[in-house]
N, C-alpha and C. Protein backbone atom coordinates (compact mmCIF):
# COMPACT_ATOMS: atom_id res chain seq x y z
N MET A 1 27.11 -182.24 -9.15
CA MET A 1 28.22 -181.62 -9.82
C MET A 1 29.05 -182.69 -10.54
N GLU A 2 29.34 -182.44 -11.78
CA GLU A 2 30.08 -183.40 -12.59
C GLU A 2 31.57 -183.08 -12.53
N ARG A 3 32.40 -184.10 -12.33
CA ARG A 3 33.85 -183.92 -12.28
C ARG A 3 34.49 -184.55 -13.51
N LEU A 4 35.44 -183.86 -14.06
CA LEU A 4 36.17 -184.40 -15.20
C LEU A 4 37.44 -185.07 -14.71
N LEU A 5 37.65 -186.28 -15.14
CA LEU A 5 38.86 -187.01 -14.77
C LEU A 5 39.73 -187.15 -16.02
N PHE A 6 40.96 -186.73 -15.90
CA PHE A 6 41.88 -186.79 -17.02
C PHE A 6 42.80 -187.99 -16.87
N LYS A 7 43.04 -188.66 -17.98
CA LYS A 7 43.97 -189.78 -17.98
C LYS A 7 45.36 -189.22 -18.29
N PRO A 8 46.40 -189.76 -17.66
CA PRO A 8 47.75 -189.31 -17.98
C PRO A 8 48.10 -189.63 -19.44
N ARG A 9 48.89 -188.74 -20.06
CA ARG A 9 49.26 -188.95 -21.46
C ARG A 9 50.51 -189.80 -21.61
N SER A 10 51.20 -190.06 -20.53
CA SER A 10 52.42 -190.86 -20.63
C SER A 10 52.36 -192.01 -19.63
N ARG A 11 53.19 -193.00 -19.87
CA ARG A 11 53.15 -194.22 -19.06
C ARG A 11 54.56 -194.66 -18.71
N PHE A 12 54.62 -195.66 -17.85
CA PHE A 12 55.89 -196.32 -17.55
C PHE A 12 55.91 -197.63 -18.31
N LEU A 13 57.10 -198.04 -18.74
CA LEU A 13 57.27 -199.26 -19.52
C LEU A 13 58.30 -200.16 -18.84
N LYS A 14 58.05 -201.46 -18.87
CA LYS A 14 59.07 -202.43 -18.47
C LYS A 14 59.75 -202.87 -19.75
N VAL A 15 61.05 -202.57 -19.86
CA VAL A 15 61.81 -202.83 -21.08
C VAL A 15 62.90 -203.86 -20.79
N LYS A 16 63.07 -204.80 -21.72
CA LYS A 16 64.11 -205.82 -21.61
C LYS A 16 65.27 -205.42 -22.52
N CYS A 17 66.46 -205.33 -21.95
CA CYS A 17 67.66 -204.96 -22.71
C CYS A 17 67.97 -206.05 -23.74
N SER A 18 68.27 -205.62 -24.96
CA SER A 18 68.54 -206.59 -26.02
C SER A 18 69.92 -207.22 -25.90
N GLN A 19 70.80 -206.61 -25.10
CA GLN A 19 72.16 -207.14 -24.98
C GLN A 19 72.32 -208.11 -23.81
N CYS A 20 71.75 -207.76 -22.63
CA CYS A 20 72.01 -208.60 -21.45
C CYS A 20 70.73 -209.18 -20.82
N ASP A 21 69.57 -208.92 -21.41
CA ASP A 21 68.26 -209.42 -20.96
C ASP A 21 67.83 -208.89 -19.60
N ASN A 22 68.46 -207.81 -19.12
CA ASN A 22 68.01 -207.16 -17.89
C ASN A 22 66.68 -206.46 -18.15
N GLU A 23 65.77 -206.53 -17.19
CA GLU A 23 64.49 -205.83 -17.30
C GLU A 23 64.47 -204.68 -16.32
N GLN A 24 64.05 -203.49 -16.79
CA GLN A 24 63.91 -202.36 -15.90
C GLN A 24 62.75 -201.49 -16.34
N ILE A 25 62.22 -200.73 -15.40
CA ILE A 25 61.08 -199.88 -15.65
C ILE A 25 61.58 -198.48 -15.99
N VAL A 26 61.08 -197.94 -17.10
CA VAL A 26 61.50 -196.63 -17.58
C VAL A 26 60.28 -195.79 -17.91
N PHE A 27 60.47 -194.47 -17.98
CA PHE A 27 59.41 -193.55 -18.34
C PHE A 27 59.29 -193.50 -19.86
N GLU A 28 58.06 -193.44 -20.36
CA GLU A 28 57.81 -193.46 -21.79
C GLU A 28 58.34 -192.20 -22.49
N ARG A 29 58.35 -191.07 -21.79
CA ARG A 29 58.82 -189.80 -22.36
C ARG A 29 60.01 -189.27 -21.56
N PRO A 30 61.18 -189.89 -21.73
CA PRO A 30 62.33 -189.49 -20.90
C PRO A 30 62.91 -188.15 -21.36
N ALA A 31 63.44 -187.37 -20.39
CA ALA A 31 64.09 -186.10 -20.70
C ALA A 31 65.53 -186.32 -21.16
N SER A 32 66.10 -187.46 -20.81
CA SER A 32 67.46 -187.79 -21.24
C SER A 32 67.51 -189.28 -21.58
N ASN A 33 68.60 -189.69 -22.22
CA ASN A 33 68.74 -191.09 -22.60
C ASN A 33 68.81 -191.97 -21.36
N VAL A 34 68.21 -193.17 -21.44
CA VAL A 34 68.20 -194.12 -20.33
C VAL A 34 69.08 -195.29 -20.70
N LYS A 35 70.04 -195.61 -19.82
CA LYS A 35 70.96 -196.72 -20.06
C LYS A 35 70.61 -197.90 -19.16
N CYS A 36 70.94 -199.09 -19.63
CA CYS A 36 70.75 -200.31 -18.85
C CYS A 36 71.64 -200.25 -17.62
N ARG A 37 71.07 -200.62 -16.48
CA ARG A 37 71.83 -200.57 -15.22
C ARG A 37 72.91 -201.65 -15.16
N VAL A 38 72.79 -202.69 -15.96
CA VAL A 38 73.74 -203.80 -15.90
C VAL A 38 74.88 -203.62 -16.90
N CYS A 39 74.56 -203.44 -18.18
CA CYS A 39 75.61 -203.40 -19.21
C CYS A 39 75.91 -202.00 -19.72
N GLY A 40 75.04 -201.01 -19.46
CA GLY A 40 75.30 -199.64 -19.87
C GLY A 40 74.84 -199.28 -21.27
N LYS A 41 74.20 -200.21 -21.99
CA LYS A 41 73.70 -199.92 -23.33
C LYS A 41 72.47 -199.01 -23.24
N THR A 42 72.33 -198.07 -24.18
CA THR A 42 71.17 -197.19 -24.21
C THR A 42 69.94 -198.01 -24.58
N ILE A 43 68.91 -197.97 -23.71
CA ILE A 43 67.69 -198.73 -24.01
C ILE A 43 66.53 -197.82 -24.41
N VAL A 44 66.57 -196.55 -23.99
CA VAL A 44 65.56 -195.58 -24.43
C VAL A 44 66.28 -194.28 -24.74
N LYS A 45 66.07 -193.76 -25.96
CA LYS A 45 66.71 -192.52 -26.39
C LYS A 45 65.68 -191.39 -26.34
N SER A 46 66.07 -190.27 -25.76
CA SER A 46 65.19 -189.11 -25.68
C SER A 46 65.04 -188.48 -27.06
N THR A 47 63.79 -188.15 -27.43
CA THR A 47 63.54 -187.54 -28.74
C THR A 47 62.79 -186.22 -28.61
N GLY A 48 62.54 -185.76 -27.40
CA GLY A 48 61.76 -184.55 -27.19
C GLY A 48 60.29 -184.84 -27.00
N GLY A 49 59.89 -186.06 -27.20
CA GLY A 49 58.51 -186.52 -27.00
C GLY A 49 58.60 -187.93 -26.46
N LYS A 50 57.88 -188.85 -27.10
CA LYS A 50 58.02 -190.25 -26.71
C LYS A 50 59.40 -190.74 -27.08
N GLY A 51 60.01 -191.49 -26.18
CA GLY A 51 61.36 -191.98 -26.41
C GLY A 51 61.38 -193.13 -27.40
N LYS A 52 62.52 -193.29 -28.07
CA LYS A 52 62.72 -194.42 -28.98
C LYS A 52 63.30 -195.58 -28.17
N VAL A 53 62.60 -196.71 -28.17
CA VAL A 53 62.98 -197.86 -27.35
C VAL A 53 63.86 -198.80 -28.14
N PHE A 54 65.04 -199.13 -27.58
CA PHE A 54 65.97 -200.08 -28.20
C PHE A 54 65.97 -201.34 -27.35
N GLY A 55 64.90 -202.06 -27.36
CA GLY A 55 64.76 -203.28 -26.57
C GLY A 55 63.33 -203.76 -26.71
N GLU A 56 62.99 -204.77 -25.97
CA GLU A 56 61.65 -205.36 -26.04
C GLU A 56 60.79 -204.80 -24.90
N ILE A 57 59.60 -204.30 -25.26
CA ILE A 57 58.67 -203.81 -24.24
C ILE A 57 57.94 -205.02 -23.68
N ILE A 58 58.13 -205.27 -22.39
CA ILE A 58 57.55 -206.44 -21.73
C ILE A 58 56.16 -206.12 -21.20
N GLU A 59 56.01 -204.95 -20.59
CA GLU A 59 54.75 -204.59 -19.94
C GLU A 59 54.58 -203.08 -19.98
N VAL A 60 53.32 -202.63 -20.01
CA VAL A 60 53.00 -201.20 -19.99
C VAL A 60 52.17 -200.91 -18.75
N TYR A 61 52.62 -199.94 -17.97
CA TYR A 61 51.89 -199.52 -16.76
C TYR A 61 51.25 -198.18 -17.05
N SER A 62 49.92 -198.10 -16.85
CA SER A 62 49.24 -196.83 -17.11
C SER A 62 48.88 -196.11 -15.84
């Protein structure tokens, strides 16, 4: 019997804040805006699909 394995369509990202250099892990498709835990600047904006990243993507986790 053959099994089909599906890959997830979304990933987690490690993003570096452009203002304070804090690194945090965020979801690629957020339902709401994600703010930096240190300085409060928006680092990922919700767009209804993939979020718009306002920082440097350091690593991608699949």
